[in-house]
Amino acid sequence: MKVVGTFSKVLKKDGYLLFKPEFKDSDFLLDFDCLYHFNFKTKWKIESITKTAKGFLIRLAGVDSFKKAEFLIGEKFALPEGEIFGKSQDLLIGAAVFDKSGKILGKIEAFTPTPAYSLAEMENESGNSEFIPFTENFFELEDGKIILIKKP
């Protein structure tokens, strides 16, 4: 399980909560219908989720009052790593980069946005950094691995 965010504030008396995501590019959360409490591994069904300027407005099943909602403030929630792999660039930082044959070429150190795409900063095995466009022309995400198809 990978922590994806924390509930930070009760916004409405009927149990709506503000969810602060862990990642800058967290729109993938809109595609999920449940979250898991990170410590207790309990599954919580999402009844409603809306992106806001400060995070996400979320209503969980069974949380229908201010009193019930305030118990969740400060609690970390997660999703299975296999289900979110590649959905956020932040999740790929620190991951190994492989060539097509399976040899490790290095690891992702950071992403830098450009107007058209992100640049992946990859630290190669000799410790030098390379900047490669993080596009389908150069990278594939396959079976939980980052594969470098070609270098620019």
N, C-alpha and C. Protein backbone atom coordinates (compact mmCIF):
# COMPACT_ATOMS: atom_id res chain seq x y z
N MET A 1 0.84 -1.19 0.00
CA MET A 1 0.00 0.00 0.00
C MET A 1 0.89 1.25 0.00
N LYS A 2 0.45 2.24 -0.73
CA LYS A 2 1.17 3.51 -0.84
C LYS A 2 0.25 4.63 -0.38
N VAL A 3 0.72 5.45 0.55
CA VAL A 3 -0.08 6.57 1.04
C VAL A 3 -0.30 7.54 -0.11
N VAL A 4 -1.57 7.93 -0.32
CA VAL A 4 -1.91 8.87 -1.38
C VAL A 4 -2.40 10.21 -0.84
N GLY A 5 -2.68 10.27 0.47
CA GLY A 5 -3.10 11.55 1.04
C GLY A 5 -3.63 11.41 2.45
N THR A 6 -4.06 12.57 2.97
CA THR A 6 -4.52 12.68 4.36
C THR A 6 -5.77 13.56 4.40
N PHE A 7 -6.73 13.18 5.21
CA PHE A 7 -7.88 14.05 5.43
C PHE A 7 -7.46 15.16 6.38
N SER A 8 -7.74 16.41 6.00
CA SER A 8 -7.22 17.52 6.79
C SER A 8 -8.29 18.38 7.45
N LYS A 9 -9.53 18.32 6.97
CA LYS A 9 -10.54 19.21 7.52
C LYS A 9 -11.94 18.71 7.15
N VAL A 10 -12.88 18.86 8.10
CA VAL A 10 -14.28 18.59 7.80
C VAL A 10 -14.84 19.86 7.17
N LEU A 11 -15.43 19.73 5.99
CA LEU A 11 -15.91 20.91 5.28
C LEU A 11 -17.41 21.14 5.39
N LYS A 12 -18.17 20.09 5.62
CA LYS A 12 -19.62 20.22 5.70
C LYS A 12 -20.15 19.39 6.85
N LYS A 13 -21.27 19.79 7.40
CA LYS A 13 -21.87 19.08 8.52
C LYS A 13 -22.28 17.66 8.17
N ASP A 14 -22.49 17.39 6.87
CA ASP A 14 -22.93 16.06 6.46
C ASP A 14 -21.77 15.11 6.16
N GLY A 15 -20.55 15.45 6.58
CA GLY A 15 -19.43 14.52 6.51
C GLY A 15 -18.46 14.71 5.37
N TYR A 16 -18.61 15.73 4.55
CA TYR A 16 -17.63 15.97 3.49
C TYR A 16 -16.30 16.41 4.10
N LEU A 17 -15.22 15.85 3.57
CA LEU A 17 -13.89 16.11 4.09
C LEU A 17 -12.97 16.64 3.00
N LEU A 18 -11.99 17.45 3.41
CA LEU A 18 -10.94 17.90 2.50
C LEU A 18 -9.81 16.88 2.57
N PHE A 19 -9.42 16.37 1.41
CA PHE A 19 -8.36 15.37 1.30
C PHE A 19 -7.16 16.02 0.64
N LYS A 20 -6.03 16.05 1.35
CA LYS A 20 -4.79 16.63 0.83
C LYS A 20 -3.95 15.50 0.22
N PRO A 21 -3.76 15.51 -1.11
CA PRO A 21 -2.99 14.44 -1.73
C PRO A 21 -1.49 14.58 -1.47
N GLU A 22 -0.80 13.47 -1.55
CA GLU A 22 0.66 13.43 -1.37
C GLU A 22 1.41 13.87 -2.62
N PHE A 23 0.75 13.83 -3.77
CA PHE A 23 1.43 14.03 -5.05
C PHE A 23 0.90 15.25 -5.77
N LYS A 24 1.79 15.89 -6.55
CA LYS A 24 1.40 17.07 -7.33
C LYS A 24 0.40 16.69 -8.42
N ASP A 25 0.63 15.59 -9.08
CA ASP A 25 -0.26 15.15 -10.16
C ASP A 25 -1.15 14.01 -9.65
N SER A 26 -2.17 14.39 -8.91
CA SER A 26 -3.00 13.41 -8.20
C SER A 26 -4.40 13.23 -8.80
N ASP A 27 -4.62 13.70 -10.02
CA ASP A 27 -5.94 13.57 -10.63
C ASP A 27 -6.37 12.12 -10.79
N PHE A 28 -5.43 11.18 -10.75
CA PHE A 28 -5.75 9.77 -10.86
C PHE A 28 -6.69 9.32 -9.75
N LEU A 29 -6.73 10.05 -8.63
CA LEU A 29 -7.62 9.69 -7.53
C LEU A 29 -9.10 9.73 -7.93
N LEU A 30 -9.43 10.53 -8.93
CA LEU A 30 -10.81 10.63 -9.40
C LEU A 30 -11.30 9.32 -10.01
N ASP A 31 -10.39 8.45 -10.39
CA ASP A 31 -10.75 7.17 -11.02
C ASP A 31 -11.01 6.05 -10.03
N PHE A 32 -10.79 6.28 -8.74
CA PHE A 32 -10.93 5.22 -7.75
C PHE A 32 -12.26 5.35 -7.00
N ASP A 33 -12.79 4.19 -6.59
CA ASP A 33 -14.05 4.20 -5.85
C ASP A 33 -13.89 3.84 -4.37
N CYS A 34 -12.62 3.67 -3.93
CA CYS A 34 -12.38 3.40 -2.52
C CYS A 34 -10.97 3.82 -2.15
N LEU A 35 -10.76 4.00 -0.86
CA LEU A 35 -9.45 4.27 -0.27
C LEU A 35 -9.27 3.29 0.88
N TYR A 36 -8.03 3.08 1.29
CA TYR A 36 -7.74 2.18 2.41
C TYR A 36 -7.04 2.97 3.50
N HIS A 37 -7.51 2.79 4.75
CA HIS A 37 -6.83 3.41 5.87
C HIS A 37 -5.44 2.80 5.93
N PHE A 38 -4.41 3.64 5.96
CA PHE A 38 -3.04 3.15 5.85
C PHE A 38 -2.65 2.23 7.01
N ASN A 39 -2.97 2.61 8.23
CA ASN A 39 -2.55 1.81 9.39
C ASN A 39 -3.40 0.56 9.60
N PHE A 40 -4.72 0.71 9.45
CA PHE A 40 -5.63 -0.40 9.77
C PHE A 40 -6.01 -1.25 8.56
N LYS A 41 -5.67 -0.76 7.34
CA LYS A 41 -5.95 -1.48 6.08
C LYS A 41 -7.45 -1.67 5.83
N THR A 42 -8.29 -0.87 6.47
CA THR A 42 -9.73 -0.97 6.24
C THR A 42 -10.10 -0.24 4.96
N LYS A 43 -11.06 -0.80 4.25
CA LYS A 43 -11.51 -0.25 2.96
C LYS A 43 -12.66 0.72 3.20
N TRP A 44 -12.56 1.91 2.59
CA TRP A 44 -13.59 2.94 2.71
C TRP A 44 -14.09 3.29 1.31
N LYS A 45 -15.38 3.08 1.08
CA LYS A 45 -15.98 3.38 -0.23
C LYS A 45 -16.14 4.88 -0.38
N ILE A 46 -15.74 5.39 -1.54
CA ILE A 46 -15.91 6.81 -1.86
C ILE A 46 -17.29 6.99 -2.49
N GLU A 47 -18.14 7.78 -1.84
CA GLU A 47 -19.46 8.08 -2.40
C GLU A 47 -19.39 9.25 -3.37
N SER A 48 -18.50 10.19 -3.08
CA SER A 48 -18.38 11.38 -3.92
C SER A 48 -16.95 11.92 -3.81
N ILE A 49 -16.40 12.34 -4.96
CA ILE A 49 -15.07 12.95 -4.96
C ILE A 49 -15.06 14.05 -6.01
N THR A 50 -14.57 15.23 -5.61
CA THR A 50 -14.49 16.39 -6.50
C THR A 50 -13.15 17.07 -6.27
N LYS A 51 -12.48 17.41 -7.35
CA LYS A 51 -11.20 18.12 -7.25
C LYS A 51 -11.48 19.58 -6.91
N THR A 52 -10.71 20.13 -5.97
CA THR A 52 -10.81 21.54 -5.59
C THR A 52 -9.41 22.16 -5.66
N ALA A 53 -9.33 23.44 -5.43
CA ALA A 53 -8.04 24.13 -5.46
C ALA A 53 -7.11 23.64 -4.35
N LYS A 54 -7.66 23.18 -3.25
CA LYS A 54 -6.84 22.78 -2.10
C LYS A 54 -6.70 21.27 -1.96
N GLY A 55 -7.24 20.50 -2.89
CA GLY A 55 -7.16 19.05 -2.80
C GLY A 55 -8.40 18.42 -3.39
N PHE A 56 -9.04 17.55 -2.62
CA PHE A 56 -10.25 16.88 -3.07
C PHE A 56 -11.32 16.96 -1.99
N LEU A 57 -12.55 17.17 -2.41
CA LEU A 57 -13.70 17.13 -1.51
C LEU A 57 -14.24 15.71 -1.61
N ILE A 58 -14.17 14.97 -0.51
CA ILE A 58 -14.54 13.55 -0.54
C ILE A 58 -15.60 13.27 0.52
N ARG A 59 -16.57 12.45 0.11
CA ARG A 59 -17.57 11.92 1.04
C ARG A 59 -17.43 10.42 1.03
N LEU A 60 -17.19 9.83 2.19
CA LEU A 60 -17.04 8.39 2.32
C LEU A 60 -18.35 7.77 2.78
N ALA A 61 -18.62 6.55 2.35
CA ALA A 61 -19.81 5.82 2.77
C ALA A 61 -19.78 5.63 4.29
N GLY A 62 -20.90 5.90 4.92
CA GLY A 62 -21.01 5.73 6.37
C GLY A 62 -20.54 6.92 7.17
N VAL A 63 -19.94 7.89 6.53
CA VAL A 63 -19.48 9.11 7.21
C VAL A 63 -20.45 10.21 6.81
N ASP A 64 -21.51 10.36 7.62
CA ASP A 64 -22.60 11.25 7.24
C ASP A 64 -22.85 12.38 8.25
N SER A 65 -21.87 12.62 9.10
CA SER A 65 -22.01 13.71 10.07
C SER A 65 -20.64 14.32 10.39
N PHE A 66 -20.67 15.51 10.92
CA PHE A 66 -19.44 16.19 11.32
C PHE A 66 -18.69 15.34 12.35
N LYS A 67 -19.43 14.82 13.30
CA LYS A 67 -18.82 14.04 14.38
C LYS A 67 -18.09 12.79 13.86
N LYS A 68 -18.70 12.08 12.92
CA LYS A 68 -18.04 10.90 12.34
C LYS A 68 -16.83 11.31 11.49
N ALA A 69 -16.98 12.40 10.77
CA ALA A 69 -15.91 12.85 9.88
C ALA A 69 -14.67 13.31 10.64
N GLU A 70 -14.87 13.95 11.79
CA GLU A 70 -13.71 14.50 12.49
C GLU A 70 -12.77 13.41 13.02
N PHE A 71 -13.24 12.17 13.13
CA PHE A 71 -12.37 11.07 13.54
C PHE A 71 -11.32 10.76 12.47
N LEU A 72 -11.58 11.17 11.24
CA LEU A 72 -10.67 10.87 10.13
C LEU A 72 -9.61 11.95 9.89
N ILE A 73 -9.74 13.08 10.58
CA ILE A 73 -8.79 14.17 10.38
C ILE A 73 -7.39 13.72 10.81
N GLY A 74 -6.42 13.95 9.92
CA GLY A 74 -5.03 13.57 10.18
C GLY A 74 -4.70 12.13 9.84
N GLU A 75 -5.70 11.37 9.41
CA GLU A 75 -5.46 9.96 9.08
C GLU A 75 -4.96 9.82 7.65
N LYS A 76 -3.99 8.94 7.46
CA LYS A 76 -3.41 8.69 6.13
C LYS A 76 -4.19 7.58 5.44
N PHE A 77 -4.43 7.79 4.15
CA PHE A 77 -5.14 6.80 3.36
C PHE A 77 -4.27 6.39 2.17
N ALA A 78 -4.46 5.16 1.72
CA ALA A 78 -3.56 4.57 0.73
C ALA A 78 -4.34 3.83 -0.36
N LEU A 79 -3.59 3.44 -1.38
CA LEU A 79 -4.09 2.60 -2.46
C LEU A 79 -3.02 1.55 -2.75
N PRO A 80 -3.42 0.40 -3.30
CA PRO A 80 -2.42 -0.62 -3.65
C PRO A 80 -1.44 -0.09 -4.69
N GLU A 81 -0.16 -0.31 -4.45
CA GLU A 81 0.88 0.22 -5.33
C GLU A 81 0.70 -0.26 -6.77
N GLY A 82 0.31 -1.49 -6.96
CA GLY A 82 0.14 -2.02 -8.32
C GLY A 82 -0.95 -1.31 -9.10
N GLU A 83 -1.94 -0.80 -8.41
CA GLU A 83 -3.05 -0.12 -9.08
C GLU A 83 -2.73 1.33 -9.44
N ILE A 84 -1.72 1.91 -8.80
CA ILE A 84 -1.41 3.33 -9.07
C ILE A 84 -0.07 3.53 -9.77
N PHE A 85 0.66 2.44 -10.02
CA PHE A 85 1.96 2.56 -10.69
C PHE A 85 1.79 3.29 -12.02
N GLY A 86 2.57 4.33 -12.21
CA GLY A 86 2.55 5.08 -13.46
C GLY A 86 1.48 6.13 -13.57
N LYS A 87 0.58 6.20 -12.60
CA LYS A 87 -0.50 7.19 -12.65
C LYS A 87 -0.06 8.56 -12.17
N SER A 88 1.05 8.62 -11.45
CA SER A 88 1.62 9.88 -10.98
C SER A 88 3.13 9.81 -11.17
N GLN A 89 3.69 10.86 -11.74
CA GLN A 89 5.14 10.88 -11.91
C GLN A 89 5.84 10.88 -10.56
N ASP A 90 5.24 11.49 -9.56
CA ASP A 90 5.86 11.50 -8.23
C ASP A 90 6.10 10.09 -7.71
N LEU A 91 5.23 9.15 -8.08
CA LEU A 91 5.38 7.77 -7.63
C LEU A 91 6.58 7.07 -8.29
N LEU A 92 7.06 7.62 -9.38
CA LEU A 92 8.16 6.99 -10.12
C LEU A 92 9.54 7.45 -9.66
N ILE A 93 9.59 8.51 -8.86
CA ILE A 93 10.87 9.02 -8.37
C ILE A 93 11.52 7.96 -7.48
N GLY A 94 12.76 7.65 -7.79
CA GLY A 94 13.49 6.62 -7.06
C GLY A 94 13.41 5.23 -7.70
N ALA A 95 12.53 5.09 -8.71
CA ALA A 95 12.36 3.79 -9.35
C ALA A 95 13.49 3.51 -10.34
N ALA A 96 13.81 2.25 -10.49
CA ALA A 96 14.85 1.83 -11.43
C ALA A 96 14.35 1.97 -12.86
N VAL A 97 15.28 2.26 -13.76
CA VAL A 97 15.00 2.33 -15.19
C VAL A 97 15.77 1.19 -15.85
N PHE A 98 15.05 0.44 -16.70
CA PHE A 98 15.63 -0.73 -17.36
C PHE A 98 15.70 -0.51 -18.87
N ASP A 99 16.61 -1.24 -19.54
CA ASP A 99 16.58 -1.25 -21.00
C ASP A 99 15.65 -2.41 -21.42
N LYS A 100 15.49 -2.60 -22.71
CA LYS A 100 14.57 -3.63 -23.22
C LYS A 100 14.97 -5.04 -22.80
N SER A 101 16.27 -5.27 -22.58
CA SER A 101 16.73 -6.61 -22.19
C SER A 101 16.60 -6.87 -20.70
N GLY A 102 16.24 -5.84 -19.92
CA GLY A 102 16.08 -6.01 -18.48
C GLY A 102 17.25 -5.52 -17.65
N LYS A 103 18.27 -4.98 -18.30
CA LYS A 103 19.44 -4.45 -17.58
C LYS A 103 19.08 -3.10 -16.95
N ILE A 104 19.50 -2.90 -15.70
CA ILE A 104 19.26 -1.63 -15.02
C ILE A 104 20.19 -0.57 -15.58
N LEU A 105 19.60 0.54 -16.00
CA LEU A 105 20.37 1.66 -16.56
C LEU A 105 20.61 2.76 -15.54
N GLY A 106 19.75 2.84 -14.55
CA GLY A 106 19.84 3.89 -13.55
C GLY A 106 18.53 4.01 -12.80
N LYS A 107 18.28 5.21 -12.24
CA LYS A 107 17.03 5.43 -11.53
C LYS A 107 16.54 6.85 -11.77
N ILE A 108 15.23 7.03 -11.63
CA ILE A 108 14.61 8.34 -11.80
C ILE A 108 14.89 9.17 -10.56
N GLU A 109 15.47 10.34 -10.76
CA GLU A 109 15.77 11.26 -9.66
C GLU A 109 14.72 12.34 -9.49
N ALA A 110 14.17 12.82 -10.62
CA ALA A 110 13.20 13.92 -10.56
C ALA A 110 12.54 14.08 -11.91
N PHE A 111 11.49 14.89 -11.94
CA PHE A 111 10.83 15.29 -13.18
C PHE A 111 10.79 16.80 -13.23
N THR A 112 11.05 17.34 -14.41
CA THR A 112 10.99 18.78 -14.62
C THR A 112 9.96 19.05 -15.71
N PRO A 113 8.94 19.84 -15.40
CA PRO A 113 7.92 20.11 -16.43
C PRO A 113 8.44 21.06 -17.51
N THR A 114 8.01 20.82 -18.73
CA THR A 114 8.23 21.73 -19.85
C THR A 114 6.84 22.01 -20.42
N PRO A 115 6.70 22.96 -21.33
CA PRO A 115 5.36 23.22 -21.88
C PRO A 115 4.74 22.01 -22.59
N ALA A 116 5.54 21.13 -23.17
CA ALA A 116 4.99 20.01 -23.94
C ALA A 116 5.01 18.67 -23.21
N TYR A 117 5.97 18.45 -22.32
CA TYR A 117 6.13 17.16 -21.64
C TYR A 117 7.03 17.36 -20.43
N SER A 118 7.20 16.31 -19.65
CA SER A 118 8.13 16.35 -18.52
C SER A 118 9.47 15.76 -18.94
N LEU A 119 10.53 16.29 -18.36
CA LEU A 119 11.86 15.71 -18.55
C LEU A 119 12.15 14.84 -17.33
N ALA A 120 12.52 13.60 -17.60
CA ALA A 120 12.92 12.71 -16.52
C ALA A 120 14.41 12.86 -16.30
N GLU A 121 14.78 13.15 -15.06
CA GLU A 121 16.21 13.17 -14.72
C GLU A 121 16.56 11.77 -14.24
N MET A 122 17.40 11.10 -15.01
CA MET A 122 17.80 9.75 -14.68
C MET A 122 19.27 9.76 -14.28
N GLU A 123 19.55 9.24 -13.09
CA GLU A 123 20.94 9.08 -12.67
C GLU A 123 21.40 7.73 -13.18
N ASN A 124 22.41 7.74 -14.06
CA ASN A 124 22.87 6.47 -14.61
C ASN A 124 23.82 5.77 -13.64
N GLU A 125 24.26 4.60 -14.00
CA GLU A 125 25.08 3.78 -13.10
C GLU A 125 26.40 4.43 -12.71
N SER A 126 26.92 5.35 -13.54
CA SER A 126 28.17 6.03 -13.20
C SER A 126 27.94 7.26 -12.33
N GLY A 127 26.68 7.53 -11.99
CA GLY A 127 26.37 8.66 -11.11
C GLY A 127 26.08 9.96 -11.82
N ASN A 128 26.13 9.96 -13.15
CA ASN A 128 25.83 11.17 -13.93
C ASN A 128 24.34 11.25 -14.22
N SER A 129 23.84 12.47 -14.36
CA SER A 129 22.43 12.68 -14.68
C SER A 129 22.23 12.85 -16.17
N GLU A 130 21.16 12.24 -16.64
CA GLU A 130 20.73 12.41 -18.03
C GLU A 130 19.29 12.93 -17.98
N PHE A 131 18.96 13.82 -18.90
CA PHE A 131 17.60 14.35 -18.99
C PHE A 131 16.97 13.81 -20.26
N ILE A 132 15.86 13.08 -20.09
CA ILE A 132 15.21 12.41 -21.21
C ILE A 132 13.72 12.77 -21.19
N PRO A 133 13.16 13.15 -22.34
CA PRO A 133 11.71 13.44 -22.37
C PRO A 133 10.92 12.23 -21.89
N PHE A 134 10.02 12.47 -20.94
CA PHE A 134 9.21 11.38 -20.41
C PHE A 134 7.95 11.26 -21.26
N THR A 135 8.15 10.68 -22.44
CA THR A 135 7.07 10.48 -23.40
C THR A 135 7.09 9.04 -23.87
N GLU A 136 6.03 8.65 -24.58
CA GLU A 136 5.95 7.27 -25.07
C GLU A 136 6.98 6.98 -26.15
N ASN A 137 7.61 8.01 -26.70
CA ASN A 137 8.68 7.79 -27.68
C ASN A 137 9.97 7.30 -27.01
N PHE A 138 10.11 7.55 -25.71
CA PHE A 138 11.35 7.20 -25.01
C PHE A 138 11.15 6.19 -23.88
N PHE A 139 9.98 6.20 -23.25
CA PHE A 139 9.74 5.32 -22.10
C PHE A 139 8.47 4.50 -22.27
N GLU A 140 8.48 3.31 -21.66
CA GLU A 140 7.29 2.48 -21.51
C GLU A 140 7.17 2.10 -20.05
N LEU A 141 5.95 2.02 -19.57
CA LEU A 141 5.68 1.50 -18.23
C LEU A 141 5.05 0.13 -18.43
N GLU A 142 5.74 -0.91 -17.99
CA GLU A 142 5.29 -2.26 -18.26
C GLU A 142 5.55 -3.16 -17.06
N ASP A 143 4.51 -3.83 -16.59
CA ASP A 143 4.62 -4.78 -15.47
C ASP A 143 5.35 -4.19 -14.27
N GLY A 144 5.02 -2.96 -13.92
CA GLY A 144 5.63 -2.32 -12.76
C GLY A 144 7.06 -1.87 -12.97
N LYS A 145 7.50 -1.78 -14.23
CA LYS A 145 8.87 -1.36 -14.53
C LYS A 145 8.85 -0.17 -15.49
N ILE A 146 9.89 0.66 -15.37
CA ILE A 146 10.11 1.76 -16.31
C ILE A 146 11.16 1.28 -17.30
N ILE A 147 10.79 1.26 -18.57
CA ILE A 147 11.70 0.77 -19.60
C ILE A 147 12.05 1.93 -20.53
N LEU A 148 13.36 2.16 -20.69
CA LEU A 148 13.84 3.17 -21.62
C LEU A 148 13.94 2.52 -23.00
N ILE A 149 13.12 3.00 -23.94
CA ILE A 149 13.07 2.42 -25.27
C ILE A 149 14.26 2.90 -26.10
N LYS A 150 14.53 4.20 -26.02
CA LYS A 150 15.67 4.76 -26.74
C LYS A 150 16.10 6.04 -26.05
N LYS A 151 17.33 6.43 -26.30
CA LYS A 151 17.84 7.69 -25.77
C LYS A 151 17.70 8.76 -26.84
N PRO A 152 17.54 10.02 -26.43
CA PRO A 152 17.40 11.10 -27.42
C PRO A 152 18.69 11.36 -28.19
